[in-house]
């Protein structure tokens, strides 16, 4: 059993899952070897390209890689980061909102069914009570 250092575990946790379609390149070096060759301008270009394609999660991944290279961002780079986070959070919040309204509709339908059943039982009980008298 191999033990990993904290840095290796952190790198595995923060590895972009959306871009890991091909684990090794043609030289067999893997994705980490490719990422090391990219510059900050490459990540900015990729982030802008992802923004044009409306792929905000991929844009966010590219901006995270940029943050690994540069600790201080320019105003334009900060705006790219804000756009990436805002749009990823917005899509997730919208999905949660749709799910909650769907669940409420299901609950309302079940509630209506219960009310209808209750009303039919009430009428049946009233008729049976009237027959007893």
C-alpha atoms as a PDB file:
ATOM      1  CA  UNK A   1       0.000   0.000   0.000  1.00  0.00           C
ATOM      2  CA  UNK A   2       1.428   3.352  -0.991  1.00  0.00           C
ATOM      3  CA  UNK A   3       0.994   6.410   1.153  1.00  0.00           C
ATOM      4  CA  UNK A   4       0.579   9.813  -0.410  1.00  0.00           C
ATOM      5  CA  UNK A   5       1.811  13.068   0.968  1.00  0.00           C
ATOM      6  CA  UNK A   6      -0.583  15.867   1.786  1.00  0.00           C
ATOM      7  CA  UNK A   7       0.482  17.751  -1.356  1.00  0.00           C
ATOM      8  CA  UNK A   8      -0.281  14.745  -3.553  1.00  0.00           C
ATOM      9  CA  UNK A   9      -3.669  14.248  -1.910  1.00  0.00           C
ATOM     10  CA  UNK A  10      -4.477  17.942  -2.357  1.00  0.00           C
ATOM     11  CA  UNK A  11      -3.438  17.759  -6.023  1.00  0.00           C
ATOM     12  CA  UNK A  12      -5.693  14.750  -6.561  1.00  0.00           C
ATOM     13  CA  UNK A  13      -8.643  16.468  -4.896  1.00  0.00           C
ATOM     14  CA  UNK A  14      -8.238  19.666  -6.900  1.00  0.00           C
ATOM     15  CA  UNK A  15      -7.591  17.876 -10.205  1.00  0.00           C
ATOM     16  CA  UNK A  16     -10.109  19.079 -12.807  1.00  0.00           C
ATOM     17  CA  UNK A  17     -12.482  16.178 -13.341  1.00  0.00           C
ATOM     18  CA  UNK A  18     -14.138  17.662 -16.423  1.00  0.00           C
ATOM     19  CA  UNK A  19     -10.929  17.825 -18.435  1.00  0.00           C
ATOM     20  CA  UNK A  20      -9.596  14.392 -17.498  1.00  0.00           C
ATOM     21  CA  UNK A  21     -10.835  12.564 -20.567  1.00  0.00           C
ATOM     22  CA  UNK A  22      -7.387  11.359 -21.593  1.00  0.00           C
ATOM     23  CA  UNK A  23      -5.076  10.486 -18.741  1.00  0.00           C
ATOM     24  CA  UNK A  24      -1.893  10.174 -20.827  1.00  0.00           C
ATOM     25  CA  UNK A  25      -0.645  12.054 -23.828  1.00  0.00           C
ATOM     26  CA  UNK A  26       1.171  10.615 -26.835  1.00  0.00           C
ATOM     27  CA  UNK A  27       4.448  10.458 -24.886  1.00  0.00           C
ATOM     28  CA  UNK A  28       2.860   8.730 -21.921  1.00  0.00           C
ATOM     29  CA  UNK A  29       3.725  11.633 -19.630  1.00  0.00           C
ATOM     30  CA  UNK A  30       0.216  12.317 -18.393  1.00  0.00           C
ATOM     31  CA  UNK A  31      -1.781  15.501 -17.961  1.00  0.00           C
ATOM     32  CA  UNK A  32       0.522  17.026 -15.340  1.00  0.00           C
ATOM     33  CA  UNK A  33       3.351  17.175 -17.863  1.00  0.00           C
ATOM     34  CA  UNK A  34       1.089  19.042 -20.293  1.00  0.00           C
ATOM     35  CA  UNK A  35      -0.111  21.489 -17.669  1.00  0.00           C
ATOM     36  CA  UNK A  36       3.429  22.386 -16.614  1.00  0.00           C
ATOM     37  CA  UNK A  37       4.230  23.652 -20.116  1.00  0.00           C
ATOM     38  CA  UNK A  38       1.310  26.114 -20.231  1.00  0.00           C
ATOM     39  CA  UNK A  39       1.784  29.764 -19.381  1.00  0.00           C
ATOM     40  CA  UNK A  40      -0.557  32.210 -17.732  1.00  0.00           C
ATOM     41  CA  UNK A  41      -1.526  33.620 -21.126  1.00  0.00           C
ATOM     42  CA  UNK A  42      -2.497  30.115 -22.263  1.00  0.00           C
ATOM     43  CA  UNK A  43      -4.848  29.727 -19.313  1.00  0.00           C
ATOM     44  CA  UNK A  44      -6.370  33.167 -19.956  1.00  0.00           C
ATOM     45  CA  UNK A  45      -6.897  32.260 -23.610  1.00  0.00           C
ATOM     46  CA  UNK A  46      -8.515  28.958 -22.627  1.00  0.00           C
ATOM     47  CA  UNK A  47     -10.745  30.717 -20.078  1.00  0.00           C
ATOM     48  CA  UNK A  48     -11.934  33.223 -22.679  1.00  0.00           C
ATOM     49  CA  UNK A  49     -12.534  30.404 -25.149  1.00  0.00           C
ATOM     50  CA  UNK A  50     -14.573  28.518 -22.544  1.00  0.00           C
ATOM     51  CA  UNK A  51     -16.561  31.683 -21.853  1.00  0.00           C
ATOM     52  CA  UNK A  52     -17.386  32.058 -25.560  1.00  0.00           C
ATOM     53  CA  UNK A  53     -18.550  28.424 -25.615  1.00  0.00           C
ATOM     54  CA  UNK A  54     -20.638  29.005 -22.446  1.00  0.00           C
ATOM     55  CA  UNK A  55     -18.651  26.306 -20.616  1.00  0.00           C
ATOM     56  CA  UNK A  56     -18.277  28.121 -17.331  1.00  0.00           C
ATOM     57  CA  UNK A  57     -17.095  25.113 -15.317  1.00  0.00           C
ATOM     58  CA  UNK A  58     -14.186  24.665 -17.727  1.00  0.00           C
ATOM     59  CA  UNK A  59     -13.553  28.395 -17.520  1.00  0.00           C
ATOM     60  CA  UNK A  60     -13.406  28.100 -13.751  1.00  0.00           C
ATOM     61  CA  UNK A  61     -10.883  25.264 -14.005  1.00  0.00           C
ATOM     62  CA  UNK A  62      -8.647  27.351 -16.258  1.00  0.00           C
ATOM     63  CA  UNK A  63      -8.844  30.270 -13.853  1.00  0.00           C
ATOM     64  CA  UNK A  64      -7.880  27.982 -10.965  1.00  0.00           C
ATOM     65  CA  UNK A  65      -4.801  26.926 -12.920  1.00  0.00           C
ATOM     66  CA  UNK A  66      -4.038  30.584 -13.533  1.00  0.00           C
ATOM     67  CA  UNK A  67      -4.294  31.246  -9.792  1.00  0.00           C
ATOM     68  CA  UNK A  68      -1.773  28.474  -9.204  1.00  0.00           C
ATOM     69  CA  UNK A  69       0.671  30.308 -11.465  1.00  0.00           C
ATOM     70  CA  UNK A  70      -0.108  33.906 -10.485  1.00  0.00           C
ATOM     71  CA  UNK A  71      -1.064  34.960  -7.008  1.00  0.00           C
ATOM     72  CA  UNK A  72      -1.922  38.545  -7.996  1.00  0.00           C
ATOM     73  CA  UNK A  73      -4.399  38.985 -10.843  1.00  0.00           C
ATOM     74  CA  UNK A  74      -5.013  41.993 -13.041  1.00  0.00           C
ATOM     75  CA  UNK A  75      -8.452  43.589 -13.228  1.00  0.00           C
ATOM     76  CA  UNK A  76      -9.311  41.741 -16.446  1.00  0.00           C
ATOM     77  CA  UNK A  77      -8.238  38.404 -14.962  1.00  0.00           C
ATOM     78  CA  UNK A  78     -10.273  39.079 -11.818  1.00  0.00           C
ATOM     79  CA  UNK A  79     -13.287  39.830 -13.994  1.00  0.00           C
ATOM     80  CA  UNK A  80     -12.814  36.496 -15.791  1.00  0.00           C
ATOM     81  CA  UNK A  81     -12.673  34.741 -12.430  1.00  0.00           C
ATOM     82  CA  UNK A  82     -15.824  36.518 -11.229  1.00  0.00           C
ATOM     83  CA  UNK A  83     -17.694  35.605 -14.427  1.00  0.00           C
ATOM     84  CA  UNK A  84     -16.651  31.971 -14.087  1.00  0.00           C
ATOM     85  CA  UNK A  85     -17.740  31.698 -10.450  1.00  0.00           C
ATOM     86  CA  UNK A  86     -20.933  33.698 -10.931  1.00  0.00           C
ATOM     87  CA  UNK A  87     -22.144  31.593 -13.833  1.00  0.00           C
ATOM     88  CA  UNK A  88     -21.258  28.242 -12.282  1.00  0.00           C
ATOM     89  CA  UNK A  89     -22.986  29.181  -9.046  1.00  0.00           C
ATOM     90  CA  UNK A  90     -25.979  30.567 -10.948  1.00  0.00           C
ATOM     91  CA  UNK A  91     -26.500  27.356 -12.917  1.00  0.00           C
ATOM     92  CA  UNK A  92     -26.297  25.277  -9.762  1.00  0.00           C
ATOM     93  CA  UNK A  93     -28.685  27.574  -7.883  1.00  0.00           C
ATOM     94  CA  UNK A  94     -31.114  27.424 -10.791  1.00  0.00           C
ATOM     95  CA  UNK A  95     -30.958  23.643 -10.770  1.00  0.00           C
ATOM     96  CA  UNK A  96     -31.641  23.569  -7.032  1.00  0.00           C
ATOM     97  CA  UNK A  97     -34.531  26.012  -7.448  1.00  0.00           C
ATOM     98  CA  UNK A  98     -36.079  23.872 -10.197  1.00  0.00           C
ATOM     99  CA  UNK A  99     -35.732  20.750  -8.094  1.00  0.00           C
ATOM    100  CA  UNK A 100     -37.357  22.330  -5.067  1.00  0.00           C
ATOM    101  CA  UNK A 101     -40.300  23.623  -7.085  1.00  0.00           C
ATOM    102  CA  UNK A 102     -40.677  20.196  -8.687  1.00  0.00           C
ATOM    103  CA  UNK A 103     -40.664  18.565  -5.249  1.00  0.00           C
ATOM    104  CA  UNK A 104     -43.233  21.078  -3.998  1.00  0.00           C
ATOM    105  CA  UNK A 105     -45.456  20.317  -6.987  1.00  0.00           C
ATOM    106  CA  UNK A 106     -45.186  16.614  -6.247  1.00  0.00           C
ATOM    107  CA  UNK A 107     -46.065  17.299  -2.622  1.00  0.00           C
ATOM    108  CA  UNK A 108     -49.027  19.447  -3.687  1.00  0.00           C
ATOM    109  CA  UNK A 109     -50.281  16.701  -5.995  1.00  0.00           C
ATOM    110  CA  UNK A 110     -49.981  14.147  -3.209  1.00  0.00           C
ATOM    111  CA  UNK A 111     -51.692  16.560  -0.830  1.00  0.00           C
ATOM    112  CA  UNK A 112     -54.543  17.053  -3.278  1.00  0.00           C
ATOM    113  CA  UNK A 113     -54.882  13.285  -3.636  1.00  0.00           C
ATOM    114  CA  UNK A 114     -54.996  12.915   0.141  1.00  0.00           C
ATOM    115  CA  UNK A 115     -57.645  15.648   0.411  1.00  0.00           C
ATOM    116  CA  UNK A 116     -59.756  13.983  -2.294  1.00  0.00           C
ATOM    117  CA  UNK A 117     -59.468  10.626  -0.538  1.00  0.00           C
ATOM    118  CA  UNK A 118     -60.356  12.277   2.770  1.00  0.00           C
ATOM    119  CA  UNK A 119     -63.409  13.917   1.238  1.00  0.00           C
ATOM    120  CA  UNK A 120     -64.590  10.634  -0.282  1.00  0.00           C
ATOM    121  CA  UNK A 121     -64.083   8.859   3.028  1.00  0.00           C
ATOM    122  CA  UNK A 122     -65.983  11.647   4.814  1.00  0.00           C
ATOM    123  CA  UNK A 123     -68.919  11.343   2.447  1.00  0.00           C
ATOM    124  CA  UNK A 124     -68.906   7.557   2.786  1.00  0.00           C
ATOM    125  CA  UNK A 125     -68.824   7.835   6.575  1.00  0.00           C
ATOM    126  CA  UNK A 126     -71.628  10.399   6.573  1.00  0.00           C
ATOM    127  CA  UNK A 127     -73.803   8.168   4.425  1.00  0.00           C
ATOM    128  CA  UNK A 128     -73.128   5.179   6.684  1.00  0.00           C
ATOM    129  CA  UNK A 129     -73.909   7.282   9.755  1.00  0.00           C
ATOM    130  CA  UNK A 130     -77.172   8.441   8.182  1.00  0.00           C
ATOM    131  CA  UNK A 131     -78.138   4.871   7.443  1.00  0.00           C
ATOM    132  CA  UNK A 132     -77.576   3.981  11.087  1.00  0.00           C
ATOM    133  CA  UNK A 133     -80.144   6.510  12.292  1.00  0.00           C
END
